Amino acid sequence: MKKLARFALWSWLLTKRLLKKPAFLILLLCVPLLSGAVALAARQESGTVRVALVCATDDPVARRSTDRLLHPDVLVRCEAYDSEAEAREALERGTVDAVWIFRDGVSEELENFVTGQRTRGLVLVVEREDNVFLRLAREQLAAAIYPEASFALFRDHLIKALGAPEDLPRETLEKYYSVDVTDSPIIVFTNADGSERQSSGDLLITPVRGLLSLLPVLAGLASCLYYYREEENGVYLRLSAGKRRALPLLNHMSALLPVAAAVLAALYAAGIATGFERELGLLLLYCLAVAAFCEVLRKLCRDESRLGVLIPVLMAAMLALCPIFAQLELPEALRRLFPPYYYLKGIYAGRFVWQLALYAAAAAALAMLLPERETMLPARAKREKKNI
């Protein structure tokens, strides 16, 4: 019991000393600032593709289609323009990426399309250039027109195959058309472990977890820099060699746990948490892996300046290799060098949780096996200087 109390006291003292450092407090403050900034950006009037929508006709098919397009969307942001000339001018200025113009007589053109007659098209699309995003945007345009085309095909089938009168009111046809319509999804997305995936609601929110996963690594590396300085000052000189061997890992964990608590709160604030028990357990395991990873780097670098130069390179490498913004086609062995890779994969696939545990154990064993650097304490340095 006394050993447990002593361990708790050491943990508290190590954490307390970090909370007095301004740089560590700034790092803690980065967690809510990062998640809040991304969440705020997601609520702004922004879109990957901006489209000028022109509907100068009172045709009901055109009006219903434009109403669907004017709803806010992550990928496409449509804005209604009064005339074709204004829309084309906005395209020339670069204000919009494309112009969608609903022609006159959309209902007649749709009828011609359904019956197999020649048609000049329902919508005129004007673009400065073609790219992947504009192609995806045109898919949304087709999706907005599809309900009208589907209903027109249904009406044509009733008239030709079943002999329904051509002047049958639309309201009557809609009653029959909507009989078999259900809200059941055609496509269901699941995670790799078979659990159903819940949508985050906005594409701009999705990188938040990946960006937050880098902050514990940054905190662990900062703890390594602090330990270099404390080691030089002889702070832990009175401890036995056995206790000093495990002390750096405890030192790093004292820096990681407050950041992990802030990350957990940020995940819930952003609305992307998957469950308290899963998130907490995975974060604790991730902190162990990060602590061991940082300790290996500390012993390999053996110098404060070397590790300081390496930190931005490591952060950039993790941004590129770990699945934060996108899953790039890069060698698997390189990605598996970094703990954020296992953490981000482990959220949706249970096998990566076990791999993260193995990674933490292997990194901790390697950190224990690596030799500690030889430090020259200030008092010893002064004595040697006098002898010279």
Protein backbone atom coordinates (compact mmCIF):
# COMPACT_ATOMS: atom_id res chain seq x y z
CA MET A 1 0.00 0.00 0.00
CA LYS A 2 2.87 2.34 0.81
CA LYS A 3 4.46 1.67 -2.57
CA LEU A 4 1.19 2.48 -4.32
CA ALA A 5 0.85 5.71 -2.34
CA ARG A 6 4.45 6.61 -3.14
CA PHE A 7 3.84 5.90 -6.84
CA ALA A 8 0.73 8.12 -6.79
CA LEU A 9 2.71 10.89 -5.08
CA TRP A 10 5.47 10.70 -7.69
CA SER A 11 2.89 10.78 -10.49
CA TRP A 12 1.21 13.82 -8.98
CA LEU A 13 4.51 15.68 -8.50
CA LEU A 14 5.63 14.94 -12.05
CA THR A 15 2.32 16.18 -13.42
CA LYS A 16 2.28 19.23 -11.16
CA ARG A 17 5.71 20.35 -12.35
CA LEU A 18 4.52 20.17 -15.96
CA LEU A 19 1.44 22.27 -15.22
CA LYS A 20 3.76 25.07 -14.12
CA LYS A 21 5.46 25.19 -17.53
CA PRO A 22 3.86 27.74 -19.94
CA ALA A 23 4.74 25.67 -23.03
CA PHE A 24 2.86 22.64 -21.68
CA LEU A 25 -0.17 24.76 -20.80
CA ILE A 26 -0.18 26.14 -24.35
CA LEU A 27 -0.10 22.56 -25.66
CA LEU A 28 -3.11 21.68 -23.50
CA LEU A 29 -4.91 24.76 -24.80
CA CYS A 30 -4.30 23.60 -28.38
CA VAL A 31 -6.70 20.68 -27.90
CA PRO A 32 -9.96 22.68 -27.52
CA LEU A 33 -8.71 25.35 -29.92
CA LEU A 34 -8.06 22.78 -32.65
CA SER A 35 -11.40 20.98 -32.34
CA GLY A 36 -13.28 24.27 -31.96
CA ALA A 37 -11.64 25.81 -35.01
CA VAL A 38 -12.45 22.83 -37.22
CA ALA A 39 -16.03 22.64 -35.94
CA LEU A 40 -16.45 26.36 -36.58
CA ALA A 41 -15.08 26.00 -40.09
CA ALA A 42 -17.56 23.19 -40.75
CA ARG A 43 -20.47 25.50 -39.91
CA GLN A 44 -19.35 28.21 -42.30
CA GLU A 45 -20.82 28.77 -45.75
CA SER A 46 -18.15 26.76 -47.52
CA GLY A 47 -18.06 24.09 -50.17
CA THR A 48 -15.55 22.39 -52.39
CA VAL A 49 -17.47 23.36 -55.55
CA ARG A 50 -19.43 26.60 -55.99
CA VAL A 51 -22.19 26.59 -58.56
CA ALA A 52 -24.30 29.42 -60.00
CA LEU A 53 -27.86 28.11 -60.45
CA VAL A 54 -30.08 29.84 -63.03
CA CYS A 55 -33.77 28.98 -63.29
CA ALA A 56 -35.58 31.73 -65.19
CA THR A 57 -38.57 29.51 -66.00
CA ASP A 58 -41.67 28.73 -63.96
CA ASP A 59 -41.64 25.11 -65.08
CA PRO A 60 -42.60 22.94 -62.04
CA VAL A 61 -39.99 20.27 -62.83
CA ALA A 62 -37.24 22.90 -62.92
CA ARG A 63 -38.47 24.53 -59.72
CA ARG A 64 -38.58 21.29 -57.76
CA SER A 65 -35.11 20.32 -59.00
CA THR A 66 -33.57 23.67 -58.05
CA ASP A 67 -35.16 23.48 -54.60
CA ARG A 68 -33.30 20.21 -54.01
CA LEU A 69 -30.03 21.72 -55.17
CA LEU A 70 -30.27 24.82 -53.00
CA HIS A 71 -30.08 22.81 -49.79
CA PRO A 72 -26.63 23.22 -48.14
CA ASP A 73 -24.16 20.48 -49.00
CA VAL A 74 -20.57 19.75 -48.02
CA LEU A 75 -19.30 19.19 -51.55
CA VAL A 76 -21.47 21.51 -53.67
CA ARG A 77 -22.61 24.98 -52.69
CA CYS A 78 -25.32 26.22 -55.07
CA GLU A 79 -26.37 29.86 -55.25
CA ALA A 80 -29.34 31.12 -57.24
CA TYR A 81 -28.70 33.81 -59.89
CA ASP A 82 -31.38 35.87 -61.59
CA SER A 83 -30.02 35.71 -65.11
CA GLU A 84 -27.66 33.72 -67.28
CA ALA A 85 -25.54 36.81 -67.97
CA GLU A 86 -24.86 37.38 -64.24
CA ALA A 87 -23.98 33.74 -63.74
CA ARG A 88 -21.55 33.70 -66.67
CA GLU A 89 -19.92 36.89 -65.41
CA ALA A 90 -19.43 35.28 -61.97
CA LEU A 91 -17.82 32.31 -63.71
CA GLU A 92 -15.41 34.58 -65.58
CA ARG A 93 -14.48 36.37 -62.34
CA GLY A 94 -13.82 33.06 -60.63
CA THR A 95 -16.55 33.58 -58.05
CA VAL A 96 -18.12 30.24 -59.03
CA ASP A 97 -16.72 27.06 -60.55
CA ALA A 98 -19.66 26.19 -62.80
CA VAL A 99 -23.00 27.49 -64.07
CA TRP A 100 -26.10 25.29 -64.29
CA ILE A 101 -28.86 26.77 -66.45
CA PHE A 102 -32.30 25.16 -66.55
CA ARG A 103 -33.68 25.54 -70.06
CA ASP A 104 -37.21 26.64 -70.97
CA GLY A 105 -39.68 23.82 -71.36
CA VAL A 106 -37.97 21.40 -68.99
CA SER A 107 -41.12 19.29 -68.63
CA GLU A 108 -41.39 18.84 -72.40
CA GLU A 109 -37.71 17.94 -72.71
CA LEU A 110 -38.09 15.41 -69.90
CA GLU A 111 -41.12 13.92 -71.63
CA ASN A 112 -39.13 13.58 -74.85
CA PHE A 113 -36.33 11.86 -72.95
CA VAL A 114 -38.71 9.39 -71.30
CA THR A 115 -40.48 8.50 -74.54
CA GLY A 116 -37.19 8.08 -76.43
CA GLN A 117 -37.55 11.15 -78.61
CA ARG A 118 -34.79 13.60 -79.46
CA THR A 119 -34.06 16.14 -76.73
CA ARG A 120 -31.68 19.09 -76.39
CA GLY A 121 -31.23 18.45 -72.66
CA LEU A 122 -32.80 19.82 -69.51
CA VAL A 123 -29.79 21.71 -68.11
CA LEU A 124 -26.97 23.62 -69.78
CA VAL A 125 -23.71 23.22 -67.84
CA VAL A 126 -20.99 25.83 -68.35
CA GLU A 127 -17.50 25.28 -66.87
CA ARG A 128 -14.07 26.80 -67.35
CA GLU A 129 -12.37 23.42 -66.94
CA ASP A 130 -13.22 19.87 -66.03
CA ASN A 131 -11.91 18.20 -62.87
CA VAL A 132 -12.82 15.47 -60.40
CA PHE A 133 -14.81 17.77 -58.10
CA LEU A 134 -16.93 19.12 -60.93
CA ARG A 135 -17.66 15.59 -62.08
CA LEU A 136 -18.86 14.74 -58.59
CA ALA A 137 -20.94 17.91 -58.58
CA ARG A 138 -22.65 16.84 -61.80
CA GLU A 139 -23.58 13.60 -60.05
CA GLN A 140 -25.50 15.70 -57.54
CA LEU A 141 -27.23 17.54 -60.39
CA ALA A 142 -28.31 14.20 -61.83
CA ALA A 143 -29.54 13.12 -58.38
CA ALA A 144 -31.68 16.27 -58.12
CA ILE A 145 -33.31 15.59 -61.50
CA TYR A 146 -33.69 11.83 -61.00
CA PRO A 147 -36.95 11.96 -58.94
CA GLU A 148 -38.62 13.90 -61.78
CA ALA A 149 -37.35 11.46 -64.41
CA SER A 150 -38.43 8.48 -62.29
CA PHE A 151 -41.94 9.87 -61.88
CA ALA A 152 -42.14 10.62 -65.62
CA LEU A 153 -41.16 7.03 -66.43
CA PHE A 154 -43.80 5.77 -63.99
CA ARG A 155 -46.47 7.94 -65.62
CA ASP A 156 -45.45 6.87 -69.13
CA HIS A 157 -45.61 3.20 -68.11
CA LEU A 158 -49.12 3.60 -66.67
CA ILE A 159 -50.34 5.26 -69.85
CA LYS A 160 -48.75 2.87 -72.34
CA ALA A 161 -48.85 -0.47 -70.51
CA LEU A 162 -51.94 -0.13 -68.33
CA GLY A 163 -54.03 2.26 -70.40
CA ALA A 164 -54.28 5.04 -67.82
CA PRO A 165 -55.77 8.32 -69.12
CA GLU A 166 -53.15 10.92 -70.11
CA ASP A 167 -54.95 13.71 -68.25
CA LEU A 168 -54.77 11.90 -64.91
CA PRO A 169 -53.92 14.50 -62.20
CA ARG A 170 -50.38 14.42 -60.78
CA GLU A 171 -51.77 14.19 -57.21
CA THR A 172 -53.49 10.89 -58.07
CA LEU A 173 -50.36 9.48 -59.69
CA GLU A 174 -48.24 10.47 -56.71
CA LYS A 175 -50.44 8.40 -54.38
CA TYR A 176 -49.71 5.26 -56.40
CA TYR A 177 -46.08 6.25 -57.01
CA SER A 178 -45.33 6.57 -53.29
CA VAL A 179 -47.00 3.32 -52.19
CA ASP A 180 -43.82 1.23 -52.24
CA VAL A 181 -41.42 4.00 -51.20
CA THR A 182 -39.68 3.24 -47.91
CA ASP A 183 -36.99 4.92 -45.82
CA SER A 184 -34.84 1.78 -45.65
CA PRO A 185 -31.29 2.40 -46.90
CA ILE A 186 -30.14 0.64 -50.05
CA ILE A 187 -26.47 0.76 -49.01
CA VAL A 188 -25.32 0.25 -45.41
CA PHE A 189 -21.76 1.20 -44.41
CA THR A 190 -19.98 -0.86 -41.76
CA ASN A 191 -16.56 -0.81 -40.13
CA ALA A 192 -13.96 -3.50 -40.66
CA ASP A 193 -15.09 -5.32 -37.49
CA GLY A 194 -18.70 -5.50 -38.74
CA SER A 195 -20.18 -2.71 -36.60
CA GLU A 196 -22.36 -0.16 -38.34
CA ARG A 197 -20.62 3.11 -39.12
CA GLN A 198 -22.28 6.29 -37.90
CA SER A 199 -21.96 9.37 -40.07
CA SER A 200 -20.11 12.31 -38.51
CA GLY A 201 -22.45 14.75 -40.21
CA ASP A 202 -19.82 16.83 -41.99
CA LEU A 203 -16.74 15.94 -44.00
CA LEU A 204 -14.80 18.81 -42.42
CA ILE A 205 -15.14 17.18 -38.99
CA THR A 206 -13.56 13.88 -40.03
CA PRO A 207 -9.85 14.93 -39.74
CA VAL A 208 -10.36 16.15 -36.14
CA ARG A 209 -9.52 12.79 -34.57
CA GLY A 210 -6.39 12.44 -36.69
CA LEU A 211 -5.17 15.92 -35.82
CA LEU A 212 -5.93 15.39 -32.14
CA SER A 213 -3.97 12.12 -32.19
CA LEU A 214 -0.80 14.08 -32.98
CA LEU A 215 -1.04 16.25 -29.85
CA PRO A 216 -0.21 13.41 -27.38
CA VAL A 217 2.85 12.62 -29.50
CA LEU A 218 3.87 16.27 -29.33
CA ALA A 219 3.35 16.23 -25.55
CA GLY A 220 5.48 13.10 -25.21
CA LEU A 221 8.30 14.63 -27.24
CA ALA A 222 8.09 17.79 -25.14
CA SER A 223 8.39 15.61 -22.03
CA CYS A 224 11.59 14.14 -23.50
CA LEU A 225 13.04 17.62 -23.90
CA TYR A 226 12.13 18.48 -20.31
CA TYR A 227 13.74 15.24 -19.10
CA TYR A 228 16.99 16.08 -20.90
CA ARG A 229 17.14 19.39 -19.02
CA GLU A 230 16.24 17.85 -15.64
CA GLU A 231 18.78 15.09 -16.17
CA GLU A 232 21.47 17.68 -16.85
CA ASN A 233 20.52 19.51 -13.64
CA GLY A 234 20.78 16.31 -11.59
CA VAL A 235 17.14 16.33 -10.48
CA TYR A 236 16.96 12.54 -10.24
CA LEU A 237 20.50 11.93 -9.04
CA ARG A 238 19.46 10.58 -5.62
CA LEU A 239 17.30 7.83 -7.13
CA SER A 240 18.77 4.39 -7.57
CA ALA A 241 19.71 3.16 -11.04
CA GLY A 242 16.79 0.72 -11.07
CA LYS A 243 14.24 3.44 -10.32
CA ARG A 244 15.78 5.81 -12.83
CA ARG A 245 15.39 3.18 -15.57
CA ALA A 246 11.57 3.27 -15.42
CA LEU A 247 11.28 6.93 -14.43
CA PRO A 248 11.30 8.40 -17.98
CA LEU A 249 8.22 6.35 -18.98
CA LEU A 250 6.38 7.58 -15.89
CA ASN A 251 7.58 11.07 -16.72
CA HIS A 252 6.15 10.87 -20.23
CA MET A 253 2.85 9.38 -19.00
CA SER A 254 2.42 12.30 -16.61
CA ALA A 255 2.56 14.59 -19.64
CA LEU A 256 0.33 12.41 -21.83
CA LEU A 257 -2.59 11.77 -19.48
CA PRO A 258 -3.75 15.42 -19.15
CA VAL A 259 -3.55 15.79 -22.94
CA ALA A 260 -5.46 12.52 -23.41
CA ALA A 261 -8.21 13.77 -21.07
CA ALA A 262 -8.47 16.96 -23.12
CA VAL A 263 -8.56 14.93 -26.35
CA LEU A 264 -11.38 12.74 -24.99
CA ALA A 265 -13.41 15.84 -24.10
CA ALA A 266 -12.71 17.32 -27.54
CA LEU A 267 -13.93 14.14 -29.29
CA TYR A 268 -17.24 14.36 -27.46
CA ALA A 269 -17.50 18.09 -28.12
CA ALA A 270 -17.00 17.44 -31.85
CA GLY A 271 -19.60 14.65 -31.81
CA ILE A 272 -17.29 11.95 -33.19
CA ALA A 273 -16.79 9.80 -30.08
CA THR A 274 -17.71 6.13 -30.53
CA GLY A 275 -18.39 5.23 -26.89
CA PHE A 276 -16.86 6.20 -23.55
CA GLU A 277 -15.40 2.80 -22.61
CA ARG A 278 -13.90 2.22 -26.05
CA GLU A 279 -12.52 5.74 -26.36
CA LEU A 280 -11.03 5.77 -22.85
CA GLY A 281 -9.45 2.32 -23.12
CA LEU A 282 -7.98 3.01 -26.54
CA LEU A 283 -6.63 6.40 -25.44
CA LEU A 284 -4.91 4.89 -22.38
CA LEU A 285 -3.34 2.19 -24.54
CA TYR A 286 -2.34 4.84 -27.06
CA CYS A 287 -0.66 6.89 -24.31
CA LEU A 288 1.42 3.85 -23.30
CA ALA A 289 2.49 3.34 -26.91
CA VAL A 290 3.34 7.02 -27.36
CA ALA A 291 5.32 7.12 -24.10
CA ALA A 292 7.40 4.12 -25.18
CA PHE A 293 7.83 5.56 -28.71
CA CYS A 294 9.06 8.88 -27.33
CA GLU A 295 11.41 7.19 -24.88
CA VAL A 296 13.02 5.21 -27.72
CA LEU A 297 13.55 8.46 -29.61
CA ARG A 298 14.98 10.15 -26.52
CA LYS A 299 17.59 7.44 -26.06
CA LEU A 300 18.43 7.29 -29.75
CA CYS A 301 18.86 11.06 -30.13
CA ARG A 302 20.78 11.37 -26.80
CA ASP A 303 20.73 15.13 -27.13
CA GLU A 304 18.15 17.91 -26.69
CA SER A 305 19.11 19.74 -29.87
CA ARG A 306 18.94 16.64 -32.05
CA LEU A 307 15.47 15.72 -30.83
CA GLY A 308 14.31 19.32 -31.21
CA VAL A 309 15.36 19.30 -34.88
CA LEU A 310 13.66 15.91 -35.40
CA ILE A 311 10.26 16.92 -33.95
CA PRO A 312 8.90 18.88 -36.99
CA VAL A 313 10.15 16.14 -39.32
CA LEU A 314 8.33 13.50 -37.27
CA MET A 315 5.09 15.49 -37.16
CA ALA A 316 5.17 16.02 -40.93
CA ALA A 317 5.88 12.33 -41.50
CA MET A 318 2.94 11.29 -39.31
CA LEU A 319 0.65 13.72 -41.15
CA ALA A 320 1.60 12.05 -44.42
CA LEU A 321 1.85 8.41 -43.35
CA CYS A 322 -1.04 8.11 -40.87
CA PRO A 323 -4.67 8.11 -42.11
CA ILE A 324 -5.51 11.64 -40.96
CA PHE A 325 -6.70 13.36 -44.15
CA ALA A 326 -6.45 10.48 -46.62
CA GLN A 327 -5.17 6.93 -46.94
CA LEU A 328 -2.16 7.34 -49.22
CA GLU A 329 -0.59 4.49 -51.17
CA LEU A 330 2.63 4.29 -49.17
CA PRO A 331 4.68 1.34 -47.89
CA GLU A 332 2.90 -0.38 -45.00
CA ALA A 333 6.12 -0.80 -43.04
CA LEU A 334 6.67 2.97 -42.89
CA ARG A 335 3.16 3.66 -41.59
CA ARG A 336 3.48 1.02 -38.88
CA LEU A 337 6.44 2.84 -37.34
CA PHE A 338 4.17 5.46 -35.77
CA PRO A 339 1.60 4.89 -32.98
CA PRO A 340 -1.11 7.20 -34.46
CA TYR A 341 -1.51 4.71 -37.31
CA TYR A 342 -2.67 1.95 -34.94
CA TYR A 343 -4.83 4.31 -32.88
CA LEU A 344 -6.72 5.70 -35.88
CA LYS A 345 -7.19 2.24 -37.35
CA GLY A 346 -8.19 0.76 -33.98
CA ILE A 347 -11.25 2.99 -33.73
CA TYR A 348 -12.99 0.98 -36.45
CA ALA A 349 -11.11 -2.35 -36.44
CA GLY A 350 -10.52 -4.38 -33.27
CA ARG A 351 -7.44 -6.18 -34.60
CA PHE A 352 -5.51 -2.92 -34.62
CA VAL A 353 -6.17 -2.52 -30.88
CA TRP A 354 -4.21 -5.71 -30.25
CA GLN A 355 -1.53 -4.54 -32.65
CA LEU A 356 -1.31 -1.25 -30.71
CA ALA A 357 -0.85 -3.23 -27.47
CA LEU A 358 1.94 -5.29 -29.07
CA TYR A 359 3.50 -2.10 -30.44
CA ALA A 360 3.48 -0.53 -26.95
CA ALA A 361 5.04 -3.63 -25.36
CA ALA A 362 7.74 -3.92 -28.04
CA ALA A 363 8.59 -0.20 -27.88
CA ALA A 364 8.75 -0.28 -24.06
CA ALA A 365 11.06 -3.32 -24.14
CA LEU A 366 13.31 -1.61 -26.67
CA ALA A 367 13.37 1.57 -24.57
CA MET A 368 14.48 -0.44 -21.52
CA LEU A 369 17.22 -2.22 -23.48
CA LEU A 370 18.71 0.91 -25.03
CA PRO A 371 21.57 2.34 -22.93
CA GLU A 372 21.17 5.63 -21.13
CA ARG A 373 23.42 8.47 -22.21
CA GLU A 374 26.29 9.64 -20.03
CA THR A 375 25.54 13.04 -18.60
CA MET A 376 27.95 15.50 -17.07
CA LEU A 377 26.30 17.21 -14.12
CA PRO A 378 26.98 20.92 -13.50
CA ALA A 379 28.95 20.36 -10.27
CA ARG A 380 31.18 17.77 -11.91
CA ALA A 381 31.69 20.02 -14.91
CA LYS A 382 32.80 22.88 -12.68
CA ARG A 383 35.31 20.67 -10.85
CA GLU A 384 36.82 19.45 -14.11
CA LYS A 385 37.05 23.02 -15.36
CA LYS A 386 39.02 24.05 -12.24
CA ASN A 387 41.41 21.12 -12.64
CA ILE A 388 42.12 22.20 -16.19
